[in-house]
PDB file of N, CA and C in Angstrom:
ATOM      1  N   UNK A   1     156.270 135.979  50.916  1.00  0.00           N
ATOM      2  CA  UNK A   1     156.211 134.761  50.124  1.00  0.00           C
ATOM      3  C   UNK A   1     156.437 133.558  51.031  1.00  0.00           C
ATOM      4  N   UNK A   2     155.572 132.549  50.892  1.00  0.00           N
ATOM      5  CA  UNK A   2     155.732 131.358  51.703  1.00  0.00           C
ATOM      6  C   UNK A   2     156.945 130.570  51.214  1.00  0.00           C
ATOM      7  N   UNK A   3     157.250 129.505  51.937  1.00  0.00           N
ATOM      8  CA  UNK A   3     158.394 128.684  51.545  1.00  0.00           C
ATOM      9  C   UNK A   3     158.229 128.203  50.105  1.00  0.00           C
ATOM     10  N   UNK A   4     159.276 128.331  49.354  1.00  0.00           N
ATOM     11  CA  UNK A   4     159.242 127.929  47.951  1.00  0.00           C
ATOM     12  C   UNK A   4     160.080 126.670  47.791  1.00  0.00           C
ATOM     13  N   UNK A   5     159.604 125.765  46.971  1.00  0.00           N
ATOM     14  CA  UNK A   5     160.317 124.508  46.764  1.00  0.00           C
ATOM     15  C   UNK A   5     161.326 124.648  45.630  1.00  0.00           C
ATOM     16  N   UNK A   6     162.226 123.694  45.570  1.00  0.00           N
ATOM     17  CA  UNK A   6     163.215 123.690  44.502  1.00  0.00           C
ATOM     18  C   UNK A   6     162.541 123.547  43.139  1.00  0.00           C
ATOM     19  N   UNK A   7     161.495 122.749  43.070  1.00  0.00           N
ATOM     20  CA  UNK A   7     160.771 122.563  41.810  1.00  0.00           C
ATOM     21  C   UNK A   7     160.121 123.869  41.366  1.00  0.00           C
ATOM     22  N   UNK A   8     159.585 124.637  42.308  1.00  0.00           N
ATOM     23  CA  UNK A   8     158.973 125.929  41.976  1.00  0.00           C
ATOM     24  C   UNK A   8     160.029 126.908  41.475  1.00  0.00           C
ATOM     25  N   UNK A   9     161.186 126.897  42.091  1.00  0.00           N
ATOM     26  CA  UNK A   9     162.281 127.773  41.657  1.00  0.00           C
ATOM     27  C   UNK A   9     162.692 127.404  40.231  1.00  0.00           C
ATOM     28  N   UNK A  10     162.834 126.114  39.970  1.00  0.00           N
ATOM     29  CA  UNK A  10     163.217 125.659  38.634  1.00  0.00           C
ATOM     30  C   UNK A  10     162.192 126.100  37.601  1.00  0.00           C
ATOM     31  N   UNK A  11     160.908 125.948  37.922  1.00  0.00           N
ATOM     32  CA  UNK A  11     159.834 126.351  37.003  1.00  0.00           C
ATOM     33  C   UNK A  11     159.882 127.855  36.739  1.00  0.00           C
ATOM     34  N   UNK A  12     160.068 128.644  37.783  1.00  0.00           N
ATOM     35  CA  UNK A  12     160.157 130.097  37.619  1.00  0.00           C
ATOM     36  C   UNK A  12     161.349 130.485  36.742  1.00  0.00           C
ATOM     37  N   UNK A  13     162.475 129.810  36.950  1.00  0.00           N
ATOM     38  CA  UNK A  13     163.657 130.099  36.137  1.00  0.00           C
ATOM     39  C   UNK A  13     163.412 129.767  34.667  1.00  0.00           C
ATOM     40  N   UNK A  14     162.775 128.642  34.404  1.00  0.00           N
ATOM     41  CA  UNK A  14     162.488 128.257  33.019  1.00  0.00           C
ATOM     42  C   UNK A  14     161.605 129.315  32.351  1.00  0.00           C
ATOM     43  N   UNK A  15     160.610 129.793  33.080  1.00  0.00           N
ATOM     44  CA  UNK A  15     159.737 130.832  32.534  1.00  0.00           C
ATOM     45  C   UNK A  15     160.506 132.129  32.292  1.00  0.00           C
ATOM     46  N   UNK A  16     161.349 132.502  33.229  1.00  0.00           N
ATOM     47  CA  UNK A  16     162.103 133.749  33.132  1.00  0.00           C
ATOM     48  C   UNK A  16     163.132 133.692  32.004  1.00  0.00           C
ATOM     49  N   UNK A  17     163.750 132.535  31.817  1.00  0.00           N
ATOM     50  CA  UNK A  17     164.797 132.394  30.812  1.00  0.00           C
ATOM     51  C   UNK A  17     164.281 132.545  29.381  1.00  0.00           C
ATOM     52  N   UNK A  18     163.014 132.312  29.167  1.00  0.00           N
ATOM     53  CA  UNK A  18     162.434 132.497  27.838  1.00  0.00           C
ATOM     54  C   UNK A  18     162.666 133.928  27.355  1.00  0.00           C
ATOM     55  N   UNK A  19     162.642 134.891  28.274  1.00  0.00           N
ATOM     56  CA  UNK A  19     162.823 136.300  27.931  1.00  0.00           C
ATOM     57  C   UNK A  19     164.290 136.677  27.693  1.00  0.00           C
ATOM     58  N   UNK A  20     165.205 135.810  28.074  1.00  0.00           N
ATOM     59  CA  UNK A  20     166.625 136.121  27.953  1.00  0.00           C
ATOM     60  C   UNK A  20     167.276 135.476  26.737  1.00  0.00           C
ATOM     61  N   UNK A  21     166.509 134.728  25.995  1.00  0.00           N
ATOM     62  CA  UNK A  21     167.109 134.020  24.878  1.00  0.00           C
ATOM     63  C   UNK A  21     166.190 134.052  23.665  1.00  0.00           C
ATOM     64  N   UNK A  22     166.773 133.924  22.511  1.00  0.00           N
ATOM     65  CA  UNK A  22     165.996 133.830  21.282  1.00  0.00           C
ATOM     66  C   UNK A  22     165.802 132.385  20.860  1.00  0.00           C
ATOM     67  N   UNK A  23     166.290 131.489  21.683  1.00  0.00           N
ATOM     68  CA  UNK A  23     166.227 130.068  21.352  1.00  0.00           C
ATOM     69  C   UNK A  23     164.776 129.591  21.271  1.00  0.00           C
ATOM     70  N   UNK A  24     164.518 128.766  20.299  1.00  0.00           N
ATOM     71  CA  UNK A  24     163.184 128.183  20.128  1.00  0.00           C
ATOM     72  C   UNK A  24     163.036 126.932  20.988  1.00  0.00           C
ATOM     73  N   UNK A  25     164.133 126.440  21.515  1.00  0.00           N
ATOM     74  CA  UNK A  25     164.118 125.190  22.278  1.00  0.00           C
ATOM     75  C   UNK A  25     163.323 125.337  23.568  1.00  0.00           C
ATOM     76  N   UNK A  26     162.747 124.228  23.981  1.00  0.00           N
ATOM     77  CA  UNK A  26     162.038 124.200  25.258  1.00  0.00           C
ATOM     78  C   UNK A  26     163.081 124.212  26.371  1.00  0.00           C
ATOM     79  N   UNK A  27     162.827 125.004  27.382  1.00  0.00           N
ATOM     80  CA  UNK A  27     163.776 125.139  28.486  1.00  0.00           C
ATOM     81  C   UNK A  27     163.349 124.225  29.616  1.00  0.00           C
ATOM     82  N   UNK A  28     164.290 123.393  30.065  1.00  0.00           N
ATOM     83  CA  UNK A  28     164.019 122.473  31.164  1.00  0.00           C
ATOM     84  C   UNK A  28     165.154 122.579  32.180  1.00  0.00           C
ATOM     85  N   UNK A  29     165.057 121.792  33.230  1.00  0.00           N
ATOM     86  CA  UNK A  29     166.078 121.812  34.289  1.00  0.00           C
ATOM     87  C   UNK A  29     167.458 121.424  33.753  1.00  0.00           C
ATOM     88  N   UNK A  30     167.495 120.569  32.729  1.00  0.00           N
ATOM     89  CA  UNK A  30     168.768 120.088  32.188  1.00  0.00           C
ATOM     90  C   UNK A  30     169.367 121.016  31.137  1.00  0.00           C
ATOM     91  N   UNK A  31     168.651 122.059  30.761  1.00  0.00           N
ATOM     92  CA  UNK A  31     169.126 122.985  29.729  1.00  0.00           C
ATOM     93  C   UNK A  31     170.393 123.698  30.180  1.00  0.00           C
ATOM     94  N   UNK A  32     171.414 123.656  29.326  1.00  0.00           N
ATOM     95  CA  UNK A  32     172.669 124.339  29.608  1.00  0.00           C
ATOM     96  C   UNK A  32     172.510 125.812  29.251  1.00  0.00           C
ATOM     97  N   UNK A  33     172.838 126.678  30.207  1.00  0.00           N
ATOM     98  CA  UNK A  33     172.646 128.113  30.021  1.00  0.00           C
ATOM     99  C   UNK A  33     173.503 128.683  28.897  1.00  0.00           C
ATOM    100  N   UNK A  34     174.703 128.161  28.750  1.00  0.00           N
ATOM    101  CA  UNK A  34     175.637 128.731  27.771  1.00  0.00           C
ATOM    102  C   UNK A  34     175.489 128.073  26.401  1.00  0.00           C
ATOM    103  N   UNK A  35     175.583 126.754  26.348  1.00  0.00           N
ATOM    104  CA  UNK A  35     175.564 126.091  25.038  1.00  0.00           C
ATOM    105  C   UNK A  35     174.179 126.033  24.412  1.00  0.00           C
ATOM    106  N   UNK A  36     173.128 125.855  25.196  1.00  0.00           N
ATOM    107  CA  UNK A  36     171.783 125.760  24.626  1.00  0.00           C
ATOM    108  C   UNK A  36     171.096 127.115  24.488  1.00  0.00           C
ATOM    109  N   UNK A  37     171.319 128.001  25.448  1.00  0.00           N
ATOM    110  CA  UNK A  37     170.593 129.275  25.453  1.00  0.00           C
ATOM    111  C   UNK A  37     171.440 130.480  25.071  1.00  0.00           C
ATOM    112  N   UNK A  38     172.741 130.278  24.917  1.00  0.00           N
ATOM    113  CA  UNK A  38     173.661 131.367  24.555  1.00  0.00           C
ATOM    114  C   UNK A  38     173.554 132.538  25.538  1.00  0.00           C
ATOM    115  N   UNK A  39     173.459 132.212  26.815  1.00  0.00           N
ATOM    116  CA  UNK A  39     173.428 133.250  27.847  1.00  0.00           C
ATOM    117  C   UNK A  39     174.863 133.729  28.055  1.00  0.00           C
ATOM    118  N   UNK A  40     175.118 134.989  27.730  1.00  0.00           N
ATOM    119  CA  UNK A  40     176.453 135.546  27.932  1.00  0.00           C
ATOM    120  C   UNK A  40     176.534 136.185  29.315  1.00  0.00           C
ATOM    121  N   UNK A  41     177.675 136.756  29.627  1.00  0.00           N
ATOM    122  CA  UNK A  41     177.890 137.305  30.968  1.00  0.00           C
ATOM    123  C   UNK A  41     176.943 138.460  31.291  1.00  0.00           C
ATOM    124  N   UNK A  42     176.641 139.288  30.298  1.00  0.00           N
ATOM    125  CA  UNK A  42     175.735 140.419  30.524  1.00  0.00           C
ATOM    126  C   UNK A  42     174.322 139.914  30.811  1.00  0.00           C
ATOM    127  N   UNK A  43     173.846 138.971  29.990  1.00  0.00           N
ATOM    128  CA  UNK A  43     172.519 138.410  30.211  1.00  0.00           C
ATOM    129  C   UNK A  43     172.455 137.693  31.563  1.00  0.00           C
ATOM    130  N   UNK A  44     173.530 136.999  31.912  1.00  0.00           N
ATOM    131  CA  UNK A  44     173.555 136.284  33.189  1.00  0.00           C
ATOM    132  C   UNK A  44     173.464 137.255  34.360  1.00  0.00           C
ATOM    133  N   UNK A  45     174.205 138.344  34.286  1.00  0.00           N
ATOM    134  CA  UNK A  45     174.145 139.336  35.364  1.00  0.00           C
ATOM    135  C   UNK A  45     172.763 139.977  35.466  1.00  0.00           C
ATOM    136  N   UNK A  46     172.126 140.242  34.334  1.00  0.00           N
ATOM    137  CA  UNK A  46     170.764 140.771  34.351  1.00  0.00           C
ATOM    138  C   UNK A  46     169.798 139.770  34.971  1.00  0.00           C
ATOM    139  N   UNK A  47     169.969 138.506  34.613  1.00  0.00           N
ATOM    140  CA  UNK A  47     169.131 137.454  35.184  1.00  0.00           C
ATOM    141  C   UNK A  47     169.336 137.355  36.692  1.00  0.00           C
ATOM    142  N   UNK A  48     170.576 137.418  37.126  1.00  0.00           N
ATOM    143  CA  UNK A  48     170.883 137.328  38.563  1.00  0.00           C
ATOM    144  C   UNK A  48     170.260 138.506  39.309  1.00  0.00           C
ATOM    145  N   UNK A  49     170.317 139.694  38.730  1.00  0.00           N
ATOM    146  CA  UNK A  49     169.696 140.859  39.386  1.00  0.00           C
ATOM    147  C   UNK A  49     168.192 140.661  39.542  1.00  0.00           C
ATOM    148  N   UNK A  50     167.551 140.127  38.509  1.00  0.00           N
ATOM    149  CA  UNK A  50     166.119 139.858  38.603  1.00  0.00           C
ATOM    150  C   UNK A  50     165.826 138.794  39.657  1.00  0.00           C
ATOM    151  N   UNK A  51     166.648 137.762  39.701  1.00  0.00           N
ATOM    152  CA  UNK A  51     166.481 136.692  40.690  1.00  0.00           C
ATOM    153  C   UNK A  51     166.633 137.248  42.099  1.00  0.00           C
ATOM    154  N   UNK A  52     167.648 138.078  42.287  1.00  0.00           N
ATOM    155  CA  UNK A  52     167.869 138.671  43.610  1.00  0.00           C
ATOM    156  C   UNK A  52     166.661 139.493  44.049  1.00  0.00           C
ATOM    157  N   UNK A  53     166.093 140.253  43.123  1.00  0.00           N
ATOM    158  CA  UNK A  53     164.908 141.043  43.453  1.00  0.00           C
ATOM    159  C   UNK A  53     163.708 140.153  43.749  1.00  0.00           C
ATOM    160  N   UNK A  54     163.495 139.154  42.905  1.00  0.00           N
ATOM    161  CA  UNK A  54     162.325 138.297  43.055  1.00  0.00           C
ATOM    162  C   UNK A  54     162.366 137.477  44.340  1.00  0.00           C
ATOM    163  N   UNK A  55     163.530 136.937  44.678  1.00  0.00           N
ATOM    164  CA  UNK A  55     163.644 136.052  45.834  1.00  0.00           C
ATOM    165  C   UNK A  55     164.190 136.742  47.077  1.00  0.00           C
ATOM    166  N   UNK A  56     164.501 138.032  46.959  1.00  0.00           N
ATOM    167  CA  UNK A  56     165.042 138.807  48.072  1.00  0.00           C
ATOM    168  C   UNK A  56     166.275 138.138  48.671  1.00  0.00           C
ATOM    169  N   UNK A  57     167.230 137.841  47.786  1.00  0.00           N
ATOM    170  CA  UNK A  57     168.487 137.214  48.189  1.00  0.00           C
ATOM    171  C   UNK A  57     169.643 137.955  47.532  1.00  0.00           C
ATOM    172  N   UNK A  58     170.852 137.603  47.938  1.00  0.00           N
ATOM    173  CA  UNK A  58     172.054 138.125  47.302  1.00  0.00           C
ATOM    174  C   UNK A  58     172.865 136.929  46.802  1.00  0.00           C
ATOM    175  N   UNK A  59     173.126 136.900  45.505  1.00  0.00           N
ATOM    176  CA  UNK A  59     173.863 135.793  44.910  1.00  0.00           C
ATOM    177  C   UNK A  59     175.311 136.224  44.722  1.00  0.00           C
ATOM    178  N   UNK A  60     176.238 135.584  45.437  1.00  0.00           N
ATOM    179  CA  UNK A  60     177.654 135.935  45.255  1.00  0.00           C
ATOM    180  C   UNK A  60     178.131 135.506  43.864  1.00  0.00           C
ATOM    181  N   UNK A  61     178.796 136.404  43.178  1.00  0.00           N
ATOM    182  CA  UNK A  61     179.231 136.128  41.811  1.00  0.00           C
ATOM    183  C   UNK A  61     180.161 134.926  41.719  1.00  0.00           C
ATOM    184  N   UNK A  62     180.980 134.706  42.734  1.00  0.00           N
ATOM    185  CA  UNK A  62     181.897 133.559  42.691  1.00  0.00           C
ATOM    186  C   UNK A  62     181.146 132.229  42.769  1.00  0.00           C
ATOM    187  N   UNK A  63     179.892 132.246  43.248  1.00  0.00           N
ATOM    188  CA  UNK A  63     179.095 131.019  43.315  1.00  0.00           C
ATOM    189  C   UNK A  63     178.600 130.605  41.934  1.00  0.00           C
ATOM    190  N   UNK A  64     178.637 131.520  40.967  1.00  0.00           N
ATOM    191  CA  UNK A  64     178.145 131.225  39.624  1.00  0.00           C
ATOM    192  C   UNK A  64     179.125 130.417  38.781  1.00  0.00           C
ATOM    193  N   UNK A  65     180.340 130.248  39.269  1.00  0.00           N
ATOM    194  CA  UNK A  65     181.369 129.524  38.517  1.00  0.00           C
ATOM    195  C   UNK A  65     180.919 128.095  38.205  1.00  0.00           C
ATOM    196  N   UNK A  66     180.235 127.460  39.136  1.00  0.00           N
ATOM    197  CA  UNK A  66     179.823 126.064  38.958  1.00  0.00           C
ATOM    198  C   UNK A  66     178.441 125.915  38.331  1.00  0.00           C
ATOM    199  N   UNK A  67     177.804 127.017  37.979  1.00  0.00           N
ATOM    200  CA  UNK A  67     176.452 126.968  37.413  1.00  0.00           C
ATOM    201  C   UNK A  67     176.530 126.782  35.901  1.00  0.00           C
ATOM    202  N   UNK A  68     176.038 125.634  35.441  1.00  0.00           N
ATOM    203  CA  UNK A  68     176.016 125.349  34.011  1.00  0.00           C
ATOM    204  C   UNK A  68     174.598 125.184  33.482  1.00  0.00           C
ATOM    205  N   UNK A  69     173.734 124.575  34.296  1.00  0.00           N
ATOM    206  CA  UNK A  69     172.377 124.281  33.841  1.00  0.00           C
ATOM    207  C   UNK A  69     171.351 125.072  34.647  1.00  0.00           C
ATOM    208  N   UNK A  70     170.122 125.040  34.177  1.00  0.00           N
ATOM    209  CA  UNK A  70     169.021 125.682  34.898  1.00  0.00           C
ATOM    210  C   UNK A  70     168.908 125.065  36.291  1.00  0.00           C
ATOM    211  N   UNK A  71     169.079 123.742  36.384  1.00  0.00           N
ATOM    212  CA  UNK A  71     168.983 123.067  37.682  1.00  0.00           C
ATOM    213  C   UNK A  71     170.096 123.533  38.623  1.00  0.00           C
ATOM    214  N   UNK A  72     171.301 123.720  38.101  1.00  0.00           N
ATOM    215  CA  UNK A  72     172.405 124.224  38.938  1.00  0.00           C
ATOM    216  C   UNK A  72     172.044 125.579  39.533  1.00  0.00           C
ATOM    217  N   UNK A  73     171.458 126.439  38.723  1.00  0.00           N
ATOM    218  CA  UNK A  73     171.071 127.771  39.185  1.00  0.00           C
ATOM    219  C   UNK A  73     169.938 127.674  40.203  1.00  0.00           C
ATOM    220  N   UNK A  74     168.978 126.812  39.945  1.00  0.00           N
ATOM    221  CA  UNK A  74     167.870 126.613  40.887  1.00  0.00           C
ATOM    222  C   UNK A  74     168.380 126.090  42.227  1.00  0.00           C
ATOM    223  N   UNK A  75     169.321 125.146  42.173  1.00  0.00           N
ATOM    224  CA  UNK A  75     169.906 124.606  43.410  1.00  0.00           C
ATOM    225  C   UNK A  75     170.608 125.705  44.208  1.00  0.00           C
ATOM    226  N   UNK A  76     171.355 126.552  43.504  1.00  0.00           N
ATOM    227  CA  UNK A  76     172.060 127.661  44.165  1.00  0.00           C
ATOM    228  C   UNK A  76     171.078 128.620  44.812  1.00  0.00           C
ATOM    229  N   UNK A  77     170.031 128.987  44.095  1.00  0.00           N
ATOM    230  CA  UNK A  77     169.021 129.901  44.642  1.00  0.00           C
ATOM    231  C   UNK A  77     168.358 129.285  45.869  1.00  0.00           C
ATOM    232  N   UNK A  78     167.998 128.005  45.763  1.00  0.00           N
ATOM    233  CA  UNK A  78     167.344 127.321  46.887  1.00  0.00           C
ATOM    234  C   UNK A  78     168.258 127.292  48.120  1.00  0.00           C
ATOM    235  N   UNK A  79     169.528 127.018  47.879  1.00  0.00           N
ATOM    236  CA  UNK A  79     170.502 126.963  48.983  1.00  0.00           C
ATOM    237  C   UNK A  79     170.626 128.330  49.662  1.00  0.00           C
ATOM    238  N   UNK A  80     170.738 129.371  48.865  1.00  0.00           N
ATOM    239  CA  UNK A  80     170.857 130.728  49.411  1.00  0.00           C
ATOM    240  C   UNK A  80     169.571 131.128  50.132  1.00  0.00           C
ATOM    241  N   UNK A  81     168.432 130.841  49.519  1.00  0.00           N
ATOM    242  CA  UNK A  81     167.140 131.189  50.097  1.00  0.00           C
ATOM    243  C   UNK A  81     166.915 130.447  51.411  1.00  0.00           C
ATOM    244  N   UNK A  82     167.317 129.183  51.474  1.00  0.00           N
ATOM    245  CA  UNK A  82     167.141 128.367  52.675  1.00  0.00           C
ATOM    246  C   UNK A  82     168.003 128.836  53.837  1.00  0.00           C
ATOM    247  N   UNK A  83     169.175 129.361  53.510  1.00  0.00           N
ATOM    248  CA  UNK A  83     170.089 129.783  54.574  1.00  0.00           C
ATOM    249  C   UNK A  83     169.827 131.211  55.062  1.00  0.00           C
ATOM    250  N   UNK A  84     168.938 131.923  54.377  1.00  0.00           N
ATOM    251  CA  UNK A  84     168.673 133.306  54.807  1.00  0.00           C
ATOM    252  C   UNK A  84     167.484 133.402  55.738  1.00  0.00           C
TER     253      UNK A  84
END
């Protein structure tokens, strides 16, 4: 996979999150994972496993403490992907 931009990561996450929630709301970078999408810890871990497989990275669980929105998660993925 060629270099991926932060915007591409955000778009991929928005598409992927549709499968993790029953919410009818449109998912954007500002969408809160917990309050808007009701992503619980099990769903979050499943999402992280898929992200790790898709981007060939390892996401440390302690890094998820500050992740509230789709953009926060995209930023974390981009940071990890850039440093690997």
